[in-house]
């Protein structure tokens, strides 16, 4: 039997042969529409900083002031002595934003999803997940001990068949992304909620890519779908995308949040996020109300990009979100197009398996409110040049 060195080396070598080897970019600047990598400036179309808040002066100033007052580290978990005033204030603001009684902070979206699923579910329960759900949702479902079932992407009929086939007396949880991170399309949340109510199931929505961008006041995809907390009892969202900070939260009723505080191992056994980061998160939430133009401008850019891409005949996938993928198929071709764009001064990520299914590699273009019309037009122009009829 090979040892660890041989096994790990073989796996990495195979990844290189399959064009699936991943490498990190090291930014020498703050997040923004223009970033510096290896001494060169690039137009950045691969960031999830959808509203351009990561380097917003008010958010930065609040972070600085928070560190001066509360220090850097939180020093402990929330249940020991790591829960500070900024944490409480941010949780209250997030509950108000999402229209729910309470919210609970987690250190990351991965921790929030896996912690919530492993707390809610137990052996004998049924968890139904969209086939394209984020890895953290899939992992949480697989580790929960519940019977794990996947349904065809955004296919309510397939989900219904699987619910009907499940034991009628079992607890049932349907789990979806509000906005799918690699496709950019949205879940049919109203139809899913109606089906869940019909079959006495709960609906959990991961709104990492919808919060701040969709819905009235940036309340997210659940609000945009017209659902309340009774129709979608479990809502998770992150602070590191549209809100430009770090961490995540789960919002729901008193029973859900207290159950997570008492039972979610990812919450109990994790050092709390730095209080200064929580203070910055609160500043970002407040900017959703005072700078609504950011959402409006982002929607304008989405329409502008799609119209331009369609005119060029680019292989757009269906999406009305800030995530605008171009379907390539082969991983090697996706990497080659990404490299050509980088050579031209544009950062666009090539998304390959296992993040997406084999044969569906793509360029994942993300638009932000910090981009200008001229920058989007420049991206379209270089895509036309790089594509050369090959996309």
Protein backbone atom coordinates (compact mmCIF):
# COMPACT_ATOMS: atom_id res chain seq x y z
CA UNK A 1 0.00 0.00 0.00
CA UNK A 2 1.48 3.42 -0.94
CA UNK A 3 2.34 5.85 1.83
CA UNK A 4 0.96 9.34 2.18
CA UNK A 5 3.73 10.96 0.12
CA UNK A 6 3.19 8.65 -2.84
CA UNK A 7 -0.59 8.93 -2.68
CA UNK A 8 -0.68 12.70 -2.36
CA UNK A 9 1.90 13.12 -5.10
CA UNK A 10 -0.11 10.92 -7.46
CA UNK A 11 -3.29 12.88 -6.81
CA UNK A 12 -1.58 16.22 -7.53
CA UNK A 13 0.04 14.87 -10.69
CA UNK A 14 -3.34 13.66 -11.95
CA UNK A 15 -4.88 17.06 -11.27
CA UNK A 16 -2.20 18.69 -13.40
CA UNK A 17 -2.80 16.24 -16.26
CA UNK A 18 -6.55 16.90 -16.11
CA UNK A 19 -6.15 20.73 -16.10
CA UNK A 20 -7.71 20.79 -12.64
CA UNK A 21 -4.73 22.03 -10.62
CA UNK A 22 -5.55 25.22 -8.74
CA UNK A 23 -3.24 28.11 -7.96
CA UNK A 24 -3.78 31.20 -5.85
CA UNK A 25 -3.53 34.81 -6.94
CA UNK A 26 -1.85 37.11 -4.44
CA UNK A 27 -3.40 40.56 -4.48
CA UNK A 28 -1.18 43.53 -3.65
CA UNK A 29 -4.13 45.91 -3.34
CA UNK A 30 -7.56 46.12 -1.78
CA UNK A 31 -10.56 44.49 -3.42
CA UNK A 32 -12.07 46.62 -6.15
CA UNK A 33 -12.75 46.83 -9.86
CA UNK A 34 -9.01 47.28 -10.39
CA UNK A 35 -6.52 45.18 -8.45
CA UNK A 36 -2.78 44.66 -8.52
CA UNK A 37 -1.21 41.20 -8.93
CA UNK A 38 2.53 40.64 -9.41
CA UNK A 39 3.04 44.36 -9.94
CA UNK A 40 0.47 44.63 -12.73
CA UNK A 41 -2.96 46.25 -12.60
CA UNK A 42 -5.94 44.21 -13.79
CA UNK A 43 -9.63 44.85 -14.28
CA UNK A 44 -11.18 42.45 -11.79
CA UNK A 45 -14.21 40.46 -12.92
CA UNK A 46 -13.93 37.52 -10.52
CA UNK A 47 -14.69 39.07 -7.11
CA UNK A 48 -17.86 38.46 -5.08
CA UNK A 49 -17.69 42.02 -3.69
CA UNK A 50 -20.96 42.66 -5.52
CA UNK A 51 -21.74 46.09 -4.05
CA UNK A 52 -18.14 47.31 -3.88
CA UNK A 53 -18.22 47.62 -0.08
CA UNK A 54 -15.02 45.73 0.80
CA UNK A 55 -12.95 48.92 0.59
CA UNK A 56 -15.74 51.43 1.29
CA UNK A 57 -14.33 54.30 3.39
CA UNK A 58 -17.07 54.01 6.03
CA UNK A 59 -16.60 50.27 6.39
CA UNK A 60 -12.83 50.64 6.64
CA UNK A 61 -13.09 53.49 9.15
CA UNK A 62 -15.54 51.49 11.30
CA UNK A 63 -13.20 48.49 11.26
CA UNK A 64 -10.32 50.70 12.37
CA UNK A 65 -12.35 52.31 15.15
CA UNK A 66 -13.63 48.91 16.28
CA UNK A 67 -10.10 47.54 16.56
CA UNK A 68 -9.00 50.55 18.57
CA UNK A 69 -11.87 50.08 21.01
CA UNK A 70 -12.21 46.30 21.20
CA UNK A 71 -8.79 45.08 20.11
CA UNK A 72 -8.17 42.59 17.33
CA UNK A 73 -9.03 39.08 18.50
CA UNK A 74 -12.28 38.23 20.29
CA UNK A 75 -10.37 36.02 22.72
CA UNK A 76 -12.87 33.19 23.07
CA UNK A 77 -15.98 31.57 21.67
CA UNK A 78 -19.30 33.40 21.84
CA UNK A 79 -20.37 31.24 24.79
CA UNK A 80 -17.33 32.03 26.93
CA UNK A 81 -16.35 35.70 26.73
CA UNK A 82 -15.99 36.32 22.98
CA UNK A 83 -19.42 37.89 22.39
CA UNK A 84 -19.12 41.68 22.29
CA UNK A 85 -21.45 44.62 21.76
CA UNK A 86 -20.71 44.79 18.00
CA UNK A 87 -21.73 41.13 17.65
CA UNK A 88 -25.04 41.77 19.37
CA UNK A 89 -25.72 44.91 17.34
CA UNK A 90 -24.91 43.17 14.06
CA UNK A 91 -27.16 40.22 14.88
CA UNK A 92 -30.02 42.60 15.67
CA UNK A 93 -29.47 44.49 12.40
CA UNK A 94 -29.40 41.27 10.36
CA UNK A 95 -32.60 40.03 11.99
CA UNK A 96 -34.26 43.33 11.10
CA UNK A 97 -32.91 43.24 7.54
CA UNK A 98 -34.25 39.74 6.91
CA UNK A 99 -37.53 40.26 8.77
CA UNK A 100 -36.91 37.54 11.34
CA UNK A 101 -36.98 37.55 15.13
CA UNK A 102 -33.30 36.67 15.56
CA UNK A 103 -30.00 36.10 13.79
CA UNK A 104 -26.86 34.25 14.88
CA UNK A 105 -23.32 34.95 13.67
CA UNK A 106 -20.96 32.23 12.46
CA UNK A 107 -17.32 32.52 11.46
CA UNK A 108 -17.98 31.43 7.85
CA UNK A 109 -20.72 30.32 5.51
CA UNK A 110 -19.31 26.79 5.55
CA UNK A 111 -19.51 26.69 9.35
CA UNK A 112 -23.03 28.13 9.33
CA UNK A 113 -24.35 25.58 6.84
CA UNK A 114 -22.69 22.49 8.25
CA UNK A 115 -23.45 23.55 11.83
CA UNK A 116 -27.10 24.23 11.09
CA UNK A 117 -27.71 21.01 9.16
CA UNK A 118 -25.99 18.76 11.69
CA UNK A 119 -27.98 20.41 14.49
CA UNK A 120 -31.38 20.22 12.79
CA UNK A 121 -31.11 16.72 11.35
CA UNK A 122 -30.75 13.29 12.91
CA UNK A 123 -30.97 9.65 11.89
CA UNK A 124 -34.35 8.87 10.34
CA UNK A 125 -34.87 12.38 8.97
CA UNK A 126 -34.94 13.14 5.24
CA UNK A 127 -32.90 15.95 3.67
CA UNK A 128 -33.52 16.89 0.04
CA UNK A 129 -30.90 18.99 -1.73
CA UNK A 130 -30.65 20.58 -5.16
CA UNK A 131 -27.99 18.80 -7.22
CA UNK A 132 -26.08 22.07 -7.69
CA UNK A 133 -26.08 23.16 -4.05
CA UNK A 134 -22.91 24.59 -2.56
CA UNK A 135 -20.40 22.07 -1.17
CA UNK A 136 -21.02 23.25 2.40
CA UNK A 137 -24.70 22.33 2.13
CA UNK A 138 -23.90 18.94 0.63
CA UNK A 139 -21.29 18.23 3.30
CA UNK A 140 -23.64 19.26 6.09
CA UNK A 141 -26.37 17.00 4.76
CA UNK A 142 -24.01 14.05 4.30
CA UNK A 143 -22.57 14.43 7.83
CA UNK A 144 -25.93 14.93 9.52
CA UNK A 145 -26.93 11.26 9.75
CA UNK A 146 -30.18 11.93 7.88
CA UNK A 147 -31.18 10.13 4.67
CA UNK A 148 -29.61 12.29 1.96
CA UNK A 149 -31.45 12.74 -1.35
CA UNK A 150 -30.58 15.02 -4.28
CA UNK A 151 -33.08 16.30 -6.83
CA UNK A 152 -32.55 17.64 -10.34
CA UNK A 153 -31.50 21.28 -10.45
CA UNK A 154 -34.44 23.63 -9.87
CA UNK A 155 -36.84 20.79 -10.69
CA UNK A 156 -39.80 21.03 -8.32
CA UNK A 157 -41.51 18.02 -9.89
CA UNK A 158 -38.50 15.79 -9.27
CA UNK A 159 -38.34 17.03 -5.68
CA UNK A 160 -42.02 16.27 -5.17
CA UNK A 161 -41.57 12.71 -6.42
CA UNK A 162 -38.73 12.18 -3.95
CA UNK A 163 -40.69 13.67 -1.05
CA UNK A 164 -43.68 11.45 -1.82
CA UNK A 165 -41.40 8.40 -1.93
CA UNK A 166 -39.94 9.16 1.51
CA UNK A 167 -41.42 7.74 4.72
CA UNK A 168 -44.47 9.88 5.48
CA UNK A 169 -43.78 10.17 9.20
CA UNK A 170 -40.17 11.35 8.85
CA UNK A 171 -39.02 14.93 9.41
CA UNK A 172 -38.21 16.53 6.04
CA UNK A 173 -35.88 19.41 5.20
CA UNK A 174 -35.51 20.88 1.69
CA UNK A 175 -32.24 22.77 1.17
CA UNK A 176 -31.37 25.09 -1.73
CA UNK A 177 -29.18 28.00 -2.68
CA UNK A 178 -31.16 31.17 -3.25
CA UNK A 179 -28.73 32.15 -6.01
CA UNK A 180 -26.51 29.34 -7.30
CA UNK A 181 -22.91 30.39 -6.98
CA UNK A 182 -21.50 28.89 -10.18
CA UNK A 183 -24.55 29.24 -12.45
CA UNK A 184 -25.99 32.54 -11.25
CA UNK A 185 -29.59 31.41 -11.60
CA UNK A 186 -32.10 31.58 -8.76
CA UNK A 187 -34.09 28.83 -7.08
CA UNK A 188 -37.89 28.73 -7.64
CA UNK A 189 -38.37 29.63 -4.00
CA UNK A 190 -42.12 30.34 -4.10
CA UNK A 191 -42.84 26.96 -5.69
CA UNK A 192 -40.48 25.20 -3.31
CA UNK A 193 -42.09 26.86 -0.30
CA UNK A 194 -45.57 25.86 -1.47
CA UNK A 195 -44.43 22.25 -1.93
CA UNK A 196 -42.82 22.21 1.51
CA UNK A 197 -45.98 23.47 3.16
CA UNK A 198 -48.03 20.88 1.29
CA UNK A 199 -45.82 18.07 2.62
CA UNK A 200 -45.07 19.46 6.09
CA UNK A 201 -41.39 20.03 5.28
CA UNK A 202 -39.09 22.86 6.27
CA UNK A 203 -37.26 24.97 3.67
CA UNK A 204 -33.66 26.12 4.26
CA UNK A 205 -32.19 28.74 1.91
CA UNK A 206 -28.51 29.60 1.55
CA UNK A 207 -28.64 33.22 0.38
CA UNK A 208 -24.90 33.89 0.26
CA UNK A 209 -25.17 35.41 -3.23
CA UNK A 210 -28.58 37.06 -2.83
CA UNK A 211 -28.28 39.00 0.44
CA UNK A 212 -27.58 42.68 -0.10
CA UNK A 213 -28.28 42.46 -3.83
CA UNK A 214 -31.83 41.15 -4.23
CA UNK A 215 -35.12 42.00 -2.57
CA UNK A 216 -36.41 45.18 -1.01
CA UNK A 217 -33.61 46.96 0.80
CA UNK A 218 -31.19 44.17 -0.14
CA UNK A 219 -32.97 41.67 2.12
CA UNK A 220 -32.17 38.86 -0.31
CA UNK A 221 -33.72 36.27 -2.59
CA UNK A 222 -36.21 35.00 -0.01
CA UNK A 223 -37.72 38.45 0.34
CA UNK A 224 -37.58 38.93 -3.45
CA UNK A 225 -39.67 35.75 -3.78
CA UNK A 226 -42.26 37.16 -1.37
CA UNK A 227 -41.64 34.58 1.34
CA UNK A 228 -41.76 35.10 5.09
CA UNK A 229 -40.08 33.18 7.90
CA UNK A 230 -42.97 30.72 8.15
CA UNK A 231 -42.51 29.72 4.51
CA UNK A 232 -38.70 29.60 4.68
CA UNK A 233 -37.90 28.92 8.34
CA UNK A 234 -34.11 28.65 7.95
CA UNK A 235 -32.15 31.41 6.22
CA UNK A 236 -28.37 31.46 5.96
CA UNK A 237 -26.36 34.25 4.34
CA UNK A 238 -22.79 35.47 4.34
CA UNK A 239 -21.13 38.79 5.12
CA UNK A 240 -18.15 38.30 2.80
CA UNK A 241 -19.79 38.92 -0.58
CA UNK A 242 -22.20 41.82 -1.16
CA UNK A 243 -21.55 43.13 2.36
CA UNK A 244 -17.80 43.17 1.78
CA UNK A 245 -16.74 41.84 5.20
CA UNK A 246 -16.36 38.31 6.60
CA UNK A 247 -18.41 35.70 8.39
CA UNK A 248 -22.00 34.51 8.04
CA UNK A 249 -25.28 34.26 9.91
CA UNK A 250 -28.41 32.19 10.27
CA UNK A 251 -31.72 33.99 10.76
CA UNK A 252 -34.93 32.48 12.07
CA UNK A 253 -37.25 32.29 15.04
CA UNK A 254 -36.36 32.03 18.71
CA UNK A 255 -36.55 28.25 18.77
CA UNK A 256 -34.17 27.82 15.82
CA UNK A 257 -31.56 30.28 17.06
CA UNK A 258 -31.55 28.98 20.63
CA UNK A 259 -31.24 25.44 19.29
CA UNK A 260 -28.17 26.47 17.26
CA UNK A 261 -26.61 28.25 20.24
CA UNK A 262 -27.05 25.15 22.38
CA UNK A 263 -26.31 22.49 19.76
CA UNK A 264 -24.27 23.70 16.76
CA UNK A 265 -20.72 22.47 17.33
CA UNK A 266 -19.42 24.89 14.67
CA UNK A 267 -20.76 27.72 16.83
CA UNK A 268 -19.92 26.39 20.28
CA UNK A 269 -16.32 25.37 19.59
CA UNK A 270 -15.16 28.27 17.42
CA UNK A 271 -13.57 31.54 18.45
CA UNK A 272 -15.94 34.40 17.68
CA UNK A 273 -15.20 36.67 14.72
CA UNK A 274 -13.20 39.77 15.71
CA UNK A 275 -15.54 42.42 17.12
CA UNK A 276 -14.09 45.00 14.75
CA UNK A 277 -15.20 42.84 11.81
CA UNK A 278 -18.69 42.69 13.30
CA UNK A 279 -18.67 46.49 13.61
CA UNK A 280 -17.65 46.77 9.96
CA UNK A 281 -20.44 44.37 9.04
CA UNK A 282 -22.95 46.61 10.78
CA UNK A 283 -21.65 49.60 8.82
CA UNK A 284 -22.11 47.63 5.60
CA UNK A 285 -25.69 46.67 6.51
CA UNK A 286 -26.50 50.33 7.12
CA UNK A 287 -25.07 51.23 3.71
CA UNK A 288 -27.67 48.99 2.09
CA UNK A 289 -30.25 51.60 3.06
CA UNK A 290 -28.25 54.78 2.50
CA UNK A 291 -26.60 53.79 -0.78
CA UNK A 292 -29.35 51.92 -2.60
CA UNK A 293 -27.90 53.26 -5.87
CA UNK A 294 -25.35 50.46 -5.69
CA UNK A 295 -28.01 47.80 -6.25
CA UNK A 296 -29.57 49.87 -9.03
CA UNK A 297 -26.25 50.38 -10.80
CA UNK A 298 -25.41 46.68 -10.50
CA UNK A 299 -28.71 45.75 -12.12
CA UNK A 300 -27.97 48.21 -14.92
CA UNK A 301 -24.55 46.61 -15.50
CA UNK A 302 -26.06 43.11 -15.55
CA UNK A 303 -28.45 44.16 -18.30
CA UNK A 304 -25.69 45.93 -20.20
CA UNK A 305 -23.37 42.93 -20.06
CA UNK A 306 -26.02 40.41 -21.08
CA UNK A 307 -27.18 42.52 -24.00
CA UNK A 308 -23.62 42.92 -25.21
CA UNK A 309 -22.75 39.26 -24.76
CA UNK A 310 -25.86 38.15 -26.60
CA UNK A 311 -25.07 40.51 -29.47
CA UNK A 312 -21.60 38.93 -29.71
CA UNK A 313 -23.03 35.41 -29.66
CA UNK A 314 -21.16 34.44 -26.50
CA UNK A 315 -22.30 31.22 -24.76
CA UNK A 316 -24.14 32.88 -21.89
CA UNK A 317 -25.77 30.72 -19.27
CA UNK A 318 -29.15 31.94 -18.00
CA UNK A 319 -28.66 34.28 -15.06
CA UNK A 320 -30.11 37.60 -13.96
CA UNK A 321 -27.69 37.91 -11.04
CA UNK A 322 -24.22 39.45 -10.76
CA UNK A 323 -22.79 36.02 -11.65
CA UNK A 324 -22.60 35.75 -15.45
CA UNK A 325 -20.99 32.46 -16.55
CA UNK A 326 -19.89 31.65 -20.09
CA UNK A 327 -20.14 27.93 -20.79
CA UNK A 328 -16.90 26.47 -22.19
CA UNK A 329 -17.13 22.74 -21.45
CA UNK A 330 -13.55 21.47 -21.46
CA UNK A 331 -11.40 22.39 -18.46
CA UNK A 332 -8.28 22.97 -20.55
CA UNK A 333 -10.10 25.35 -22.90
CA UNK A 334 -11.55 27.25 -19.93
CA UNK A 335 -8.05 27.66 -18.49
CA UNK A 336 -6.70 28.83 -21.84
CA UNK A 337 -9.40 31.48 -22.22
CA UNK A 338 -8.86 32.66 -18.63
CA UNK A 339 -5.11 32.93 -19.28
CA UNK A 340 -5.69 34.89 -22.49
CA UNK A 341 -7.95 37.32 -20.65
CA UNK A 342 -5.33 37.76 -17.95
CA UNK A 343 -2.70 38.48 -20.59
CA UNK A 344 -5.04 41.20 -21.87
CA UNK A 345 -5.35 42.69 -18.36
CA UNK A 346 -8.60 41.09 -17.14
CA UNK A 347 -9.09 38.70 -14.23
CA UNK A 348 -11.85 36.17 -14.97
CA UNK A 349 -11.85 32.84 -13.17
CA UNK A 350 -12.02 29.47 -14.92
CA UNK A 351 -14.34 27.22 -12.90
CA UNK A 352 -13.65 23.52 -13.31
CA UNK A 353 -14.56 20.20 -11.68
CA UNK A 354 -15.14 19.31 -8.94
CA UNK A 355 -16.68 22.75 -8.34
CA UNK A 356 -18.91 22.16 -11.38
CA UNK A 357 -19.86 18.87 -13.08
CA UNK A 358 -17.43 17.36 -15.59
CA UNK A 359 -17.85 18.82 -19.06
CA UNK A 360 -19.34 22.09 -17.81
CA UNK A 361 -16.22 24.16 -17.11
CA UNK A 362 -16.87 27.86 -17.54
CA UNK A 363 -15.64 31.39 -17.24
CA UNK A 364 -17.33 32.84 -14.16
CA UNK A 365 -17.70 36.57 -14.73
CA UNK A 366 -18.87 38.59 -11.75
CA UNK A 367 -20.05 42.17 -11.97
CA UNK A 368 -19.99 44.67 -9.11
CA UNK A 369 -21.48 48.06 -8.39
CA UNK A 370 -17.94 49.46 -8.43
CA UNK A 371 -17.58 48.72 -12.15
CA UNK A 372 -18.36 51.39 -14.73
CA UNK A 373 -20.16 51.09 -18.05
CA UNK A 374 -16.82 51.63 -19.79
CA UNK A 375 -15.19 48.77 -17.86
CA UNK A 376 -17.99 46.38 -18.75
CA UNK A 377 -17.75 47.46 -22.39
CA UNK A 378 -13.98 46.86 -22.27
CA UNK A 379 -14.60 43.33 -20.97
CA UNK A 380 -17.04 42.64 -23.80
CA UNK A 381 -14.54 43.94 -26.32
CA UNK A 382 -11.71 41.72 -25.07
CA UNK A 383 -14.05 38.71 -24.85
CA UNK A 384 -14.86 39.23 -28.53
CA UNK A 385 -11.16 39.41 -29.36
CA UNK A 386 -10.16 36.43 -27.24
CA UNK A 387 -13.09 34.32 -28.37
CA UNK A 388 -12.36 34.80 -32.06
CA UNK A 389 -15.36 32.66 -32.88
CA UNK A 390 -14.11 29.85 -30.62
CA UNK A 391 -16.57 30.31 -27.75
